[in-house]
Amino acid sequence: MSDTPRRDGPSRDGRPAGGRAGAGGAGRGGPDRGPKQPWSKRTESDSASKPGEKRLWTKGGAPARGDRDARERELPEDRDPFGIRSVRAYHEAPEIPDDVTPKQLDRVALNELKTLSKENAEGVAMHLVMAARLIDDDPQLAHSHAISAARRAGRIGVVRETLAITAYAIEDYALALRELRTYRRITGRDDQLPMMVDSERGLGRPEKALELGRSVSRSTLPVPVQVELAIAMSGARLDLNDPAAALVELEIPQLDPKKAFSYSPGLFDAYATVLEDLGRTDEAAQWYSRAEQAENALDEADGDDSMIEVIEEEIEETPSDATPTEPVQADDDDNVDD
């Protein structure tokens, strides 16, 4: 891109759409894709008169921009007669706190920014740090940071991905989908396929969501992505009022109540939801409980292990009419906050 000063103009899509999430994305990217090419201001050399050339906007050889008579004499000029110039909406970059530094960005993501100038890379990195920091508590502000990053580094995969994620977070599914497609094109990766499927659902297109989810062989995806895709596909089946098929989508090898991975709580919870829709409430309650157990086990492990073994114990209840012979004293472990 040139260093010519650029000015933002009006325009952009409506609801689910946004910018590229920042991240790059909707998003990011997105739904999708990033800032359009702005038009450049004319440079001084553009306005310089050639020998013998009459210029309407000159007075005594000097620009007469403030002269009303000169403006009245100037013929109107349509600078974009075919309406082909791309214009992007005005965006004011949010402030970055003093405690934020580029080094706080994930090392892999930071490495992707090496193609940028040092100053630009640092600015983009800090916007990405802020997007990650705010995504849960203030997704709209996170999205604004992602847009700022995308406007400065629209050809970087992690930037478009961030824009897509923040667009998804603010339910701008059109932008999230667009940005995710761009991210996929830039990187050649399918790791955000589940979010793409879910974005199609958000746009009210469950059939397209299923078609997209089947477009890639699941065996080529990392296991966590396979699980996320199964959950998204199950949701699309529910959108089509087919809970039986939704249940089948979730009956994958990773649906193992005896082991807890990072993806297990979400998978168990989704399975319980579908069982509930099918009227199998007892089984649903059991899987909701397993989801909670898996979540607690992972929290206690605090990321130290990639897999936790979950042991389900049968608790023998004391009949309500029975009188205990000894007072029951709670163990210390029973007083742990959930």
C-alpha atoms as a PDB file:
ATOM      1  CA  MET A   1       0.000   0.000   0.000  1.00  0.00           C
ATOM      2  CA  SER A   2       1.260   3.523  -0.722  1.00  0.00           C
ATOM      3  CA  ASP A   3       2.088   6.110   1.879  1.00  0.00           C
ATOM      4  CA  THR A   4      -0.259   8.614   0.231  1.00  0.00           C
ATOM      5  CA  PRO A   5      -2.591  10.092   2.871  1.00  0.00           C
ATOM      6  CA  ARG A   6      -6.039   8.536   2.676  1.00  0.00           C
ATOM      7  CA  ARG A   7      -9.404   9.716   3.813  1.00  0.00           C
ATOM      8  CA  ASP A   8     -12.251   7.546   4.956  1.00  0.00           C
ATOM      9  CA  GLY A   9     -15.660   7.889   3.395  1.00  0.00           C
ATOM     10  CA  PRO A  10     -19.159   6.646   4.206  1.00  0.00           C
ATOM     11  CA  SER A  11     -20.687   3.190   3.866  1.00  0.00           C
ATOM     12  CA  ARG A  12     -21.097  -0.360   4.983  1.00  0.00           C
ATOM     13  CA  ASP A  13     -23.457  -3.294   5.491  1.00  0.00           C
ATOM     14  CA  GLY A  14     -26.162  -3.716   8.022  1.00  0.00           C
ATOM     15  CA  ARG A  15     -26.648  -6.010  10.931  1.00  0.00           C
ATOM     16  CA  PRO A  16     -24.711  -8.972  11.385  1.00  0.00           C
ATOM     17  CA  ALA A  17     -22.190  -7.268   9.425  1.00  0.00           C
ATOM     18  CA  GLY A  18     -19.477  -5.250  10.897  1.00  0.00           C
ATOM     19  CA  GLY A  19     -15.888  -4.910  10.058  1.00  0.00           C
ATOM     20  CA  ARG A  20     -13.714  -7.602   9.967  1.00  0.00           C
ATOM     21  CA  ALA A  21     -13.651  -8.402  13.514  1.00  0.00           C
ATOM     22  CA  GLY A  22     -11.035  -7.735  13.945  1.00  0.00           C
ATOM     23  CA  ALA A  23     -10.148  -9.400  13.532  1.00  0.00           C
ATOM     24  CA  GLY A  24      -9.427  -9.715  11.287  1.00  0.00           C
ATOM     25  CA  GLY A  25     -11.526 -10.206  11.144  1.00  0.00           C
ATOM     26  CA  ALA A  26     -16.089 -11.197  10.872  1.00  0.00           C
ATOM     27  CA  GLY A  27     -15.717 -12.064  11.187  1.00  0.00           C
ATOM     28  CA  ARG A  28     -13.156 -11.696  11.944  1.00  0.00           C
ATOM     29  CA  GLY A  29     -13.490 -11.290   8.862  1.00  0.00           C
ATOM     30  CA  GLY A  30     -16.319 -12.471  10.089  1.00  0.00           C
ATOM     31  CA  PRO A  31     -18.425 -12.510   8.686  1.00  0.00           C
ATOM     32  CA  ASP A  32     -16.241 -10.947   6.583  1.00  0.00           C
ATOM     33  CA  ARG A  33     -13.867  -8.981   4.936  1.00  0.00           C
ATOM     34  CA  GLY A  34     -11.984  -6.026   5.815  1.00  0.00           C
ATOM     35  CA  PRO A  35     -11.711  -2.425   4.959  1.00  0.00           C
ATOM     36  CA  LYS A  36     -12.172  -1.375   1.380  1.00  0.00           C
ATOM     37  CA  GLN A  37      -9.676   0.747  -0.483  1.00  0.00           C
ATOM     38  CA  PRO A  38     -10.062   4.401   0.388  1.00  0.00           C
ATOM     39  CA  TRP A  39      -9.435   7.115  -2.144  1.00  0.00           C
ATOM     40  CA  SER A  40      -6.351   9.279  -1.956  1.00  0.00           C
ATOM     41  CA  LYS A  41      -6.186  13.010  -1.523  1.00  0.00           C
ATOM     42  CA  ARG A  42      -4.754  14.920  -4.430  1.00  0.00           C
ATOM     43  CA  THR A  43      -1.158  15.904  -3.971  1.00  0.00           C
ATOM     44  CA  GLU A  44       0.207  19.333  -4.741  1.00  0.00           C
ATOM     45  CA  SER A  45       1.709  18.041  -7.977  1.00  0.00           C
ATOM     46  CA  ASP A  46      -1.779  17.030  -9.148  1.00  0.00           C
ATOM     47  CA  SER A  47      -3.017  20.599  -8.928  1.00  0.00           C
ATOM     48  CA  ALA A  48       0.002  22.214 -10.575  1.00  0.00           C
ATOM     49  CA  SER A  49      -0.882  23.880 -13.872  1.00  0.00           C
ATOM     50  CA  LYS A  50       0.937  23.007 -17.037  1.00  0.00           C
ATOM     51  CA  PRO A  51       2.262  25.859 -19.219  1.00  0.00           C
ATOM     52  CA  GLY A  52      -0.551  27.510 -21.140  1.00  0.00           C
ATOM     53  CA  GLU A  53      -3.235  25.368 -19.414  1.00  0.00           C
ATOM     54  CA  LYS A  54      -6.303  27.160 -18.067  1.00  0.00           C
ATOM     55  CA  ARG A  55      -7.346  26.051 -14.607  1.00  0.00           C
ATOM     56  CA  LEU A  56     -10.767  26.955 -13.273  1.00  0.00           C
ATOM     57  CA  TRP A  57      -9.729  26.776  -9.662  1.00  0.00           C
ATOM     58  CA  THR A  58      -6.848  29.222  -9.877  1.00  0.00           C
ATOM     59  CA  LYS A  59      -6.564  32.935  -9.380  1.00  0.00           C
ATOM     60  CA  GLY A  60      -3.452  34.646 -10.505  1.00  0.00           C
ATOM     61  CA  GLY A  61      -1.767  31.281 -10.892  1.00  0.00           C
ATOM     62  CA  ALA A  62      -2.491  30.284  -7.291  1.00  0.00           C
ATOM     63  CA  PRO A  63      -5.182  27.917  -5.999  1.00  0.00           C
ATOM     64  CA  ALA A  64      -8.425  29.761  -5.359  1.00  0.00           C
ATOM     65  CA  ARG A  65     -10.179  27.206  -3.158  1.00  0.00           C
ATOM     66  CA  GLY A  66     -11.569  29.916  -0.899  1.00  0.00           C
ATOM     67  CA  ASP A  67     -12.731  32.128  -3.735  1.00  0.00           C
ATOM     68  CA  ARG A  68     -16.501  31.930  -4.310  1.00  0.00           C
ATOM     69  CA  ASP A  69     -16.342  33.278  -7.848  1.00  0.00           C
ATOM     70  CA  ALA A  70     -13.815  30.642  -8.814  1.00  0.00           C
ATOM     71  CA  ARG A  71     -16.031  27.892  -7.383  1.00  0.00           C
ATOM     72  CA  GLU A  72     -19.026  29.208  -9.272  1.00  0.00           C
ATOM     73  CA  ARG A  73     -17.082  29.116 -12.539  1.00  0.00           C
ATOM     74  CA  GLU A  74     -15.888  25.552 -12.053  1.00  0.00           C
ATOM     75  CA  LEU A  75     -17.765  22.885 -13.958  1.00  0.00           C
ATOM     76  CA  PRO A  76     -19.026  19.995 -11.817  1.00  0.00           C
ATOM     77  CA  GLU A  77     -16.898  16.889 -12.163  1.00  0.00           C
ATOM     78  CA  ASP A  78     -18.076  13.360 -11.521  1.00  0.00           C
ATOM     79  CA  ARG A  79     -14.972  11.648 -10.195  1.00  0.00           C
ATOM     80  CA  ASP A  80     -16.580   8.220 -10.140  1.00  0.00           C
ATOM     81  CA  PRO A  81     -19.120   8.175 -13.021  1.00  0.00           C
ATOM     82  CA  PHE A  82     -19.589   4.405 -12.935  1.00  0.00           C
ATOM     83  CA  GLY A  83     -19.860   4.068  -9.147  1.00  0.00           C
ATOM     84  CA  ILE A  84     -16.977   1.651  -8.953  1.00  0.00           C
ATOM     85  CA  ARG A  85     -14.857   3.354  -6.318  1.00  0.00           C
ATOM     86  CA  SER A  86     -14.820   1.450  -3.033  1.00  0.00           C
ATOM     87  CA  VAL A  87     -15.368   3.602   0.049  1.00  0.00           C
ATOM     88  CA  ARG A  88     -15.094   2.494   3.667  1.00  0.00           C
ATOM     89  CA  ALA A  89     -16.870   3.947   6.644  1.00  0.00           C
ATOM     90  CA  TYR A  90     -15.182   6.324   9.037  1.00  0.00           C
ATOM     91  CA  HIS A  91     -13.641   4.604  12.013  1.00  0.00           C
ATOM     92  CA  GLU A  92     -11.998   6.184  15.035  1.00  0.00           C
ATOM     93  CA  ALA A  93      -9.395   3.930  16.597  1.00  0.00           C
ATOM     94  CA  PRO A  94     -10.033   3.333  20.312  1.00  0.00           C
ATOM     95  CA  GLU A  95      -7.408   4.345  22.838  1.00  0.00           C
ATOM     96  CA  ILE A  96      -4.875   1.838  24.095  1.00  0.00           C
ATOM     97  CA  PRO A  97      -4.028   1.878  27.829  1.00  0.00           C
ATOM     98  CA  ASP A  98      -0.439   2.617  28.842  1.00  0.00           C
ATOM     99  CA  ASP A  99      -0.003  -0.832  30.379  1.00  0.00           C
ATOM    100  CA  VAL A 100      -0.481  -2.617  27.025  1.00  0.00           C
ATOM    101  CA  THR A 101       2.640  -3.687  25.116  1.00  0.00           C
ATOM    102  CA  PRO A 102       3.115  -5.640  21.858  1.00  0.00           C
ATOM    103  CA  LYS A 103       4.921  -8.412  23.747  1.00  0.00           C
ATOM    104  CA  GLN A 104       1.662  -9.337  25.481  1.00  0.00           C
ATOM    105  CA  LEU A 105       0.416 -10.771  22.200  1.00  0.00           C
ATOM    106  CA  ASP A 106       0.745 -14.510  21.676  1.00  0.00           C
ATOM    107  CA  ARG A 107       4.153 -15.297  20.234  1.00  0.00           C
ATOM    108  CA  VAL A 108       2.770 -17.148  17.214  1.00  0.00           C
ATOM    109  CA  ALA A 109       0.450 -14.250  16.385  1.00  0.00           C
ATOM    110  CA  LEU A 110       3.257 -11.748  16.906  1.00  0.00           C
ATOM    111  CA  ASN A 111       5.387 -13.677  14.446  1.00  0.00           C
ATOM    112  CA  GLU A 112       2.743 -13.184  11.742  1.00  0.00           C
ATOM    113  CA  LEU A 113       3.182  -9.429  12.007  1.00  0.00           C
ATOM    114  CA  LYS A 114       6.859  -9.487  11.014  1.00  0.00           C
ATOM    115  CA  THR A 115       5.997  -8.572   7.437  1.00  0.00           C
ATOM    116  CA  LEU A 116       4.850  -5.146   8.676  1.00  0.00           C
ATOM    117  CA  SER A 117       7.027  -2.199   9.555  1.00  0.00           C
ATOM    118  CA  LYS A 118       8.135  -2.169  13.200  1.00  0.00           C
ATOM    119  CA  GLU A 119       5.919   0.767  14.139  1.00  0.00           C
ATOM    120  CA  ASN A 120       2.866  -0.623  12.370  1.00  0.00           C
ATOM    121  CA  ALA A 121       3.403  -4.122  13.779  1.00  0.00           C
ATOM    122  CA  GLU A 122       3.508  -2.751  17.316  1.00  0.00           C
ATOM    123  CA  GLY A 123       0.313  -0.773  16.825  1.00  0.00           C
ATOM    124  CA  VAL A 124      -1.514  -3.776  15.340  1.00  0.00           C
ATOM    125  CA  ALA A 125      -0.237  -6.050  18.103  1.00  0.00           C
ATOM    126  CA  MET A 126      -1.565  -3.753  20.834  1.00  0.00           C
ATOM    127  CA  HIS A 127      -4.996  -3.586  19.202  1.00  0.00           C
ATOM    128  CA  LEU A 128      -5.050  -7.399  19.055  1.00  0.00           C
ATOM    129  CA  VAL A 129      -4.070  -7.587  22.727  1.00  0.00           C
ATOM    130  CA  MET A 130      -6.963  -5.287  23.593  1.00  0.00           C
ATOM    131  CA  ALA A 131      -9.399  -7.308  21.477  1.00  0.00           C
ATOM    132  CA  ALA A 132      -8.461 -10.467  23.384  1.00  0.00           C
ATOM    133  CA  ARG A 133      -8.658  -8.657  26.715  1.00  0.00           C
ATOM    134  CA  LEU A 134     -12.132  -7.224  26.080  1.00  0.00           C
ATOM    135  CA  ILE A 135     -13.857  -9.970  24.089  1.00  0.00           C
ATOM    136  CA  ASP A 136     -15.795 -11.369  27.071  1.00  0.00           C
ATOM    137  CA  ASP A 137     -16.605  -8.185  28.989  1.00  0.00           C
ATOM    138  CA  ASP A 138     -17.001  -5.614  26.207  1.00  0.00           C
ATOM    139  CA  PRO A 139     -17.236  -7.354  22.812  1.00  0.00           C
ATOM    140  CA  GLN A 140     -18.250  -4.149  21.020  1.00  0.00           C
ATOM    141  CA  LEU A 141     -15.081  -2.357  22.116  1.00  0.00           C
ATOM    142  CA  ALA A 142     -13.053  -5.484  21.334  1.00  0.00           C
ATOM    143  CA  HIS A 143     -14.546  -5.372  17.849  1.00  0.00           C
ATOM    144  CA  SER A 144     -13.527  -1.739  17.469  1.00  0.00           C
ATOM    145  CA  HIS A 145      -9.930  -2.657  18.298  1.00  0.00           C
ATOM    146  CA  ALA A 146     -10.096  -5.511  15.791  1.00  0.00           C
ATOM    147  CA  ILE A 147     -11.316  -3.148  13.082  1.00  0.00           C
ATOM    148  CA  SER A 148      -8.394  -0.824  13.827  1.00  0.00           C
ATOM    149  CA  ALA A 149      -5.972  -3.728  13.496  1.00  0.00           C
ATOM    150  CA  ALA A 150      -7.567  -4.853  10.233  1.00  0.00           C
ATOM    151  CA  ARG A 151      -7.314  -1.374   8.721  1.00  0.00           C
ATOM    152  CA  ARG A 152      -3.592  -1.405   9.371  1.00  0.00           C
ATOM    153  CA  ALA A 153      -2.864  -5.044   8.471  1.00  0.00           C
ATOM    154  CA  GLY A 154      -5.715  -6.434   6.403  1.00  0.00           C
ATOM    155  CA  ARG A 155      -3.609  -9.120   4.737  1.00  0.00           C
ATOM    156  CA  ILE A 156      -2.482 -10.799   7.953  1.00  0.00           C
ATOM    157  CA  GLY A 157      -4.349 -14.006   8.819  1.00  0.00           C
ATOM    158  CA  VAL A 158      -4.490 -13.555  12.596  1.00  0.00           C
ATOM    159  CA  VAL A 159      -5.835 -10.039  12.148  1.00  0.00           C
ATOM    160  CA  ARG A 160      -8.698 -11.161   9.924  1.00  0.00           C
ATOM    161  CA  GLU A 161      -9.393 -14.059  12.293  1.00  0.00           C
ATOM    162  CA  THR A 162      -9.621 -11.672  15.247  1.00  0.00           C
ATOM    163  CA  LEU A 163     -11.997  -9.428  13.342  1.00  0.00           C
ATOM    164  CA  ALA A 164     -14.193 -12.436  12.564  1.00  0.00           C
ATOM    165  CA  ILE A 165     -14.262 -13.591  16.173  1.00  0.00           C
ATOM    166  CA  THR A 166     -15.243 -10.186  17.520  1.00  0.00           C
ATOM    167  CA  ALA A 167     -17.891  -9.813  14.801  1.00  0.00           C
ATOM    168  CA  TYR A 168     -19.298 -13.177  15.848  1.00  0.00           C
ATOM    169  CA  ALA A 169     -19.269 -12.023  19.484  1.00  0.00           C
ATOM    170  CA  ILE A 170     -21.462  -9.018  18.659  1.00  0.00           C
ATOM    171  CA  GLU A 171     -23.712 -11.258  16.520  1.00  0.00           C
ATOM    172  CA  ASP A 172     -22.652  -9.667  13.253  1.00  0.00           C
ATOM    173  CA  TYR A 173     -22.752 -13.028  11.518  1.00  0.00           C
ATOM    174  CA  ALA A 174     -22.535 -11.725   7.959  1.00  0.00           C
ATOM    175  CA  LEU A 175     -19.279  -9.941   8.731  1.00  0.00           C
ATOM    176  CA  ALA A 176     -17.949 -12.880  10.726  1.00  0.00           C
ATOM    177  CA  LEU A 177     -18.609 -15.231   7.824  1.00  0.00           C
ATOM    178  CA  ARG A 178     -17.014 -12.901   5.303  1.00  0.00           C
ATOM    179  CA  GLU A 179     -13.940 -12.428   7.465  1.00  0.00           C
ATOM    180  CA  LEU A 180     -13.599 -16.134   8.152  1.00  0.00           C
ATOM    181  CA  ARG A 181     -13.653 -16.838   4.442  1.00  0.00           C
ATOM    182  CA  THR A 182     -10.867 -14.319   3.971  1.00  0.00           C
ATOM    183  CA  TYR A 183      -8.910 -15.822   6.854  1.00  0.00           C
ATOM    184  CA  ARG A 184      -9.337 -19.253   5.295  1.00  0.00           C
ATOM    185  CA  ARG A 185      -8.153 -17.953   1.927  1.00  0.00           C
ATOM    186  CA  ILE A 186      -5.089 -16.270   3.421  1.00  0.00           C
ATOM    187  CA  THR A 187      -3.979 -19.147   5.638  1.00  0.00           C
ATOM    188  CA  GLY A 188      -5.405 -22.235   3.921  1.00  0.00           C
ATOM    189  CA  ARG A 189      -6.632 -23.435   7.316  1.00  0.00           C
ATOM    190  CA  ASP A 190     -10.007 -24.937   8.259  1.00  0.00           C
ATOM    191  CA  ASP A 191      -9.697 -24.542  12.031  1.00  0.00           C
ATOM    192  CA  GLN A 192     -12.478 -21.925  12.122  1.00  0.00           C
ATOM    193  CA  LEU A 193     -14.924 -24.055  10.138  1.00  0.00           C
ATOM    194  CA  PRO A 194     -17.228 -24.556  13.174  1.00  0.00           C
ATOM    195  CA  MET A 195     -17.618 -20.788  13.571  1.00  0.00           C
ATOM    196  CA  MET A 196     -18.355 -20.488   9.857  1.00  0.00           C
ATOM    197  CA  VAL A 197     -21.092 -23.116  10.218  1.00  0.00           C
ATOM    198  CA  ASP A 198     -22.502 -21.323  13.240  1.00  0.00           C
ATOM    199  CA  SER A 199     -22.435 -18.000  11.386  1.00  0.00           C
ATOM    200  CA  GLU A 200     -24.542 -19.531   8.620  1.00  0.00           C
ATOM    201  CA  ARG A 201     -26.966 -20.599  11.344  1.00  0.00           C
ATOM    202  CA  GLY A 202     -26.960 -17.067  12.721  1.00  0.00           C
ATOM    203  CA  LEU A 203     -27.989 -15.832   9.276  1.00  0.00           C
ATOM    204  CA  GLY A 204     -30.946 -18.236   9.307  1.00  0.00           C
ATOM    205  CA  ARG A 205     -29.445 -20.652   6.769  1.00  0.00           C
ATOM    206  CA  PRO A 206     -29.200 -24.054   8.508  1.00  0.00           C
ATOM    207  CA  GLU A 207     -29.165 -25.968   5.211  1.00  0.00           C
ATOM    208  CA  LYS A 208     -26.123 -23.997   4.033  1.00  0.00           C
ATOM    209  CA  ALA A 209     -24.564 -24.545   7.450  1.00  0.00           C
ATOM    210  CA  LEU A 210     -24.864 -28.314   7.034  1.00  0.00           C
ATOM    211  CA  GLU A 211     -23.530 -28.151   3.485  1.00  0.00           C
ATOM    212  CA  LEU A 212     -20.534 -26.138   4.634  1.00  0.00           C
ATOM    213  CA  GLY A 213     -19.862 -28.502   7.528  1.00  0.00           C
ATOM    214  CA  ARG A 214     -19.805 -31.488   5.171  1.00  0.00           C
ATOM    215  CA  SER A 215     -17.445 -29.792   2.725  1.00  0.00           C
ATOM    216  CA  VAL A 216     -14.355 -30.841   4.690  1.00  0.00           C
ATOM    217  CA  SER A 217     -13.395 -34.323   5.840  1.00  0.00           C
ATOM    218  CA  ARG A 218     -13.509 -34.298   9.642  1.00  0.00           C
ATOM    219  CA  SER A 219     -10.520 -36.605   9.853  1.00  0.00           C
ATOM    220  CA  THR A 220      -8.359 -33.760   8.515  1.00  0.00           C
ATOM    221  CA  LEU A 221      -9.308 -31.491  11.424  1.00  0.00           C
ATOM    222  CA  PRO A 222      -7.750 -31.381  14.915  1.00  0.00           C
ATOM    223  CA  VAL A 223      -9.852 -33.242  17.485  1.00  0.00           C
ATOM    224  CA  PRO A 224     -11.081 -30.107  19.315  1.00  0.00           C
ATOM    225  CA  VAL A 225     -12.218 -28.665  15.990  1.00  0.00           C
ATOM    226  CA  GLN A 226     -14.000 -31.916  15.150  1.00  0.00           C
ATOM    227  CA  VAL A 227     -15.946 -31.615  18.396  1.00  0.00           C
ATOM    228  CA  GLU A 228     -16.822 -27.968  17.833  1.00  0.00           C
ATOM    229  CA  LEU A 229     -17.993 -28.822  14.330  1.00  0.00           C
ATOM    230  CA  ALA A 230     -20.194 -31.639  15.655  1.00  0.00           C
ATOM    231  CA  ILE A 231     -21.827 -29.211  18.095  1.00  0.00           C
ATOM    232  CA  ALA A 232     -22.421 -26.629  15.351  1.00  0.00           C
ATOM    233  CA  MET A 233     -23.856 -29.253  12.998  1.00  0.00           C
ATOM    234  CA  SER A 234     -26.115 -30.514  15.777  1.00  0.00           C
ATOM    235  CA  GLY A 235     -27.378 -26.984  16.273  1.00  0.00           C
ATOM    236  CA  ALA A 236     -28.200 -26.719  12.567  1.00  0.00           C
ATOM    237  CA  ARG A 237     -30.234 -29.932  12.856  1.00  0.00           C
ATOM    238  CA  LEU A 238     -32.143 -28.428  15.755  1.00  0.00           C
ATOM    239  CA  ASP A 239     -32.795 -25.344  13.650  1.00  0.00           C
ATOM    240  CA  LEU A 240     -34.475 -27.691  11.168  1.00  0.00           C
ATOM    241  CA  ASN A 241     -36.571 -29.260  13.965  1.00  0.00           C
ATOM    242  CA  ASP A 242     -34.801 -32.612  13.703  1.00  0.00           C
ATOM    243  CA  PRO A 243     -33.554 -33.427  17.238  1.00  0.00           C
ATOM    244  CA  ALA A 244     -33.023 -37.111  16.405  1.00  0.00           C
ATOM    245  CA  ALA A 245     -30.494 -36.200  13.716  1.00  0.00           C
ATOM    246  CA  ALA A 246     -29.019 -33.581  16.066  1.00  0.00           C
ATOM    247  CA  LEU A 247     -28.331 -36.313  18.614  1.00  0.00           C
ATOM    248  CA  VAL A 248     -26.590 -38.463  16.010  1.00  0.00           C
ATOM    249  CA  GLU A 249     -24.278 -35.574  15.116  1.00  0.00           C
ATOM    250  CA  LEU A 250     -23.035 -35.555  18.718  1.00  0.00           C
ATOM    251  CA  GLU A 251     -22.535 -39.300  19.122  1.00  0.00           C
ATOM    252  CA  ILE A 252     -18.841 -39.192  18.327  1.00  0.00           C
ATOM    253  CA  PRO A 253     -15.902 -41.004  19.974  1.00  0.00           C
ATOM    254  CA  GLN A 254     -15.117 -37.922  22.087  1.00  0.00           C
ATOM    255  CA  LEU A 255     -18.472 -38.278  23.899  1.00  0.00           C
ATOM    256  CA  ASP A 256     -16.802 -40.205  26.732  1.00  0.00           C
ATOM    257  CA  PRO A 257     -18.106 -39.428  30.250  1.00  0.00           C
ATOM    258  CA  LYS A 258     -15.067 -41.032  31.867  1.00  0.00           C
ATOM    259  CA  LYS A 259     -12.588 -38.530  30.430  1.00  0.00           C
ATOM    260  CA  ALA A 260     -12.598 -34.749  30.424  1.00  0.00           C
ATOM    261  CA  PHE A 261     -10.842 -32.701  27.785  1.00  0.00           C
ATOM    262  CA  SER A 262     -11.119 -28.968  27.246  1.00  0.00           C
ATOM    263  CA  TYR A 263     -13.973 -29.589  24.813  1.00  0.00           C
ATOM    264  CA  SER A 264     -15.854 -32.102  26.989  1.00  0.00           C
ATOM    265  CA  PRO A 265     -18.075 -29.727  29.027  1.00  0.00           C
ATOM    266  CA  GLY A 266     -19.473 -28.112  25.893  1.00  0.00           C
ATOM    267  CA  LEU A 267     -20.007 -31.453  24.183  1.00  0.00           C
ATOM    268  CA  PHE A 268     -21.739 -33.004  27.199  1.00  0.00           C
ATOM    269  CA  ASP A 269     -23.930 -29.943  27.642  1.00  0.00           C
ATOM    270  CA  ALA A 270     -24.958 -29.946  23.973  1.00  0.00           C
ATOM    271  CA  TYR A 271     -25.798 -33.650  24.200  1.00  0.00           C
ATOM    272  CA  ALA A 272     -27.927 -33.030  27.296  1.00  0.00           C
ATOM    273  CA  THR A 273     -29.774 -30.218  25.523  1.00  0.00           C
ATOM    274  CA  VAL A 274     -30.757 -32.467  22.621  1.00  0.00           C
ATOM    275  CA  LEU A 275     -31.824 -35.261  24.981  1.00  0.00           C
ATOM    276  CA  GLU A 276     -34.034 -32.751  26.737  1.00  0.00           C
ATOM    277  CA  ASP A 277     -35.604 -31.737  23.418  1.00  0.00           C
ATOM    278  CA  LEU A 278     -36.342 -35.406  22.783  1.00  0.00           C
ATOM    279  CA  GLY A 279     -38.115 -35.672  26.135  1.00  0.00           C
ATOM    280  CA  ARG A 280     -35.441 -37.924  27.671  1.00  0.00           C
ATOM    281  CA  THR A 281     -35.188 -35.756  30.764  1.00  0.00           C
ATOM    282  CA  ASP A 282     -33.541 -38.285  33.093  1.00  0.00           C
ATOM    283  CA  GLU A 283     -30.696 -38.884  30.661  1.00  0.00           C
ATOM    284  CA  ALA A 284     -30.438 -35.158  30.038  1.00  0.00           C
ATOM    285  CA  ALA A 285     -30.029 -34.475  33.746  1.00  0.00           C
ATOM    286  CA  GLN A 286     -27.281 -37.087  33.913  1.00  0.00           C
ATOM    287  CA  TRP A 287     -25.344 -35.462  31.052  1.00  0.00           C
ATOM    288  CA  TYR A 288     -25.809 -31.987  32.490  1.00  0.00           C
ATOM    289  CA  SER A 289     -24.252 -33.323  35.676  1.00  0.00           C
ATOM    290  CA  ARG A 290     -21.376 -34.854  33.705  1.00  0.00           C
ATOM    291  CA  ALA A 291     -20.762 -31.531  31.989  1.00  0.00           C
ATOM    292  CA  GLU A 292     -20.505 -29.847  35.386  1.00  0.00           C
ATOM    293  CA  GLN A 293     -18.182 -32.551  36.717  1.00  0.00           C
ATOM    294  CA  ALA A 294     -15.925 -32.228  33.694  1.00  0.00           C
ATOM    295  CA  GLU A 295     -15.832 -28.441  34.094  1.00  0.00           C
ATOM    296  CA  ASN A 296     -14.903 -28.724  37.764  1.00  0.00           C
ATOM    297  CA  ALA A 297     -12.210 -31.320  37.058  1.00  0.00           C
ATOM    298  CA  LEU A 298     -10.636 -29.109  34.405  1.00  0.00           C
ATOM    299  CA  ASP A 299     -10.767 -26.074  36.685  1.00  0.00           C
ATOM    300  CA  GLU A 300      -8.974 -27.986  39.428  1.00  0.00           C
ATOM    301  CA  ALA A 301      -6.336 -29.185  36.979  1.00  0.00           C
ATOM    302  CA  ASP A 302      -5.834 -25.547  35.923  1.00  0.00           C
ATOM    303  CA  GLY A 303      -4.540 -26.568  32.509  1.00  0.00           C
ATOM    304  CA  ASP A 304      -1.796 -28.832  33.873  1.00  0.00           C
ATOM    305  CA  ASP A 305      -3.147 -31.897  32.076  1.00  0.00           C
ATOM    306  CA  SER A 306      -4.569 -32.265  28.580  1.00  0.00           C
ATOM    307  CA  MET A 307      -6.902 -35.007  29.784  1.00  0.00           C
ATOM    308  CA  ILE A 308      -8.577 -35.637  33.129  1.00  0.00           C
ATOM    309  CA  GLU A 309     -10.072 -38.971  34.152  1.00  0.00           C
ATOM    310  CA  VAL A 310     -13.520 -38.535  35.661  1.00  0.00           C
ATOM    311  CA  ILE A 311     -14.767 -41.157  38.125  1.00  0.00           C
ATOM    312  CA  GLU A 312     -18.494 -41.235  38.789  1.00  0.00           C
ATOM    313  CA  GLU A 313     -19.406 -42.448  42.253  1.00  0.00           C
ATOM    314  CA  GLU A 314     -22.762 -43.772  43.343  1.00  0.00           C
ATOM    315  CA  ILE A 315     -23.923 -41.868  46.441  1.00  0.00           C
ATOM    316  CA  GLU A 316     -26.070 -43.934  48.747  1.00  0.00           C
ATOM    317  CA  GLU A 317     -28.843 -41.760  50.137  1.00  0.00           C
ATOM    318  CA  THR A 318     -30.037 -42.114  53.749  1.00  0.00           C
ATOM    319  CA  PRO A 319     -33.760 -42.868  53.900  1.00  0.00           C
ATOM    320  CA  SER A 320     -35.720 -39.846  55.093  1.00  0.00           C
ATOM    321  CA  ASP A 321     -37.256 -41.773  58.021  1.00  0.00           C
ATOM    322  CA  ALA A 322     -33.934 -43.102  59.269  1.00  0.00           C
ATOM    323  CA  THR A 323     -32.278 -41.486  62.280  1.00  0.00           C
ATOM    324  CA  PRO A 324     -28.471 -41.387  62.151  1.00  0.00           C
ATOM    325  CA  THR A 325     -26.839 -42.878  65.207  1.00  0.00           C
ATOM    326  CA  GLU A 326     -23.964 -40.390  65.023  1.00  0.00           C
ATOM    327  CA  PRO A 327     -23.834 -36.735  64.027  1.00  0.00           C
ATOM    328  CA  VAL A 328     -22.577 -36.287  60.468  1.00  0.00           C
ATOM    329  CA  GLN A 329     -19.590 -33.988  60.077  1.00  0.00           C
ATOM    330  CA  ALA A 330     -18.857 -32.481  56.665  1.00  0.00           C
ATOM    331  CA  ASP A 331     -15.411 -33.031  55.219  1.00  0.00           C
ATOM    332  CA  ASP A 332     -13.331 -30.035  54.304  1.00  0.00           C
ATOM    333  CA  ASP A 333     -13.639 -30.993  50.639  1.00  0.00           C
ATOM    334  CA  ASP A 334     -17.426 -30.492  50.802  1.00  0.00           C
ATOM    335  CA  ASN A 335     -16.980 -26.815  51.548  1.00  0.00           C
ATOM    336  CA  VAL A 336     -15.213 -25.941  48.305  1.00  0.00           C
ATOM    337  CA  ASP A 337     -16.999 -23.217  46.367  1.00  0.00           C
ATOM    338  CA  ASP A 338     -18.260 -24.222  42.981  1.00  0.00           C
END
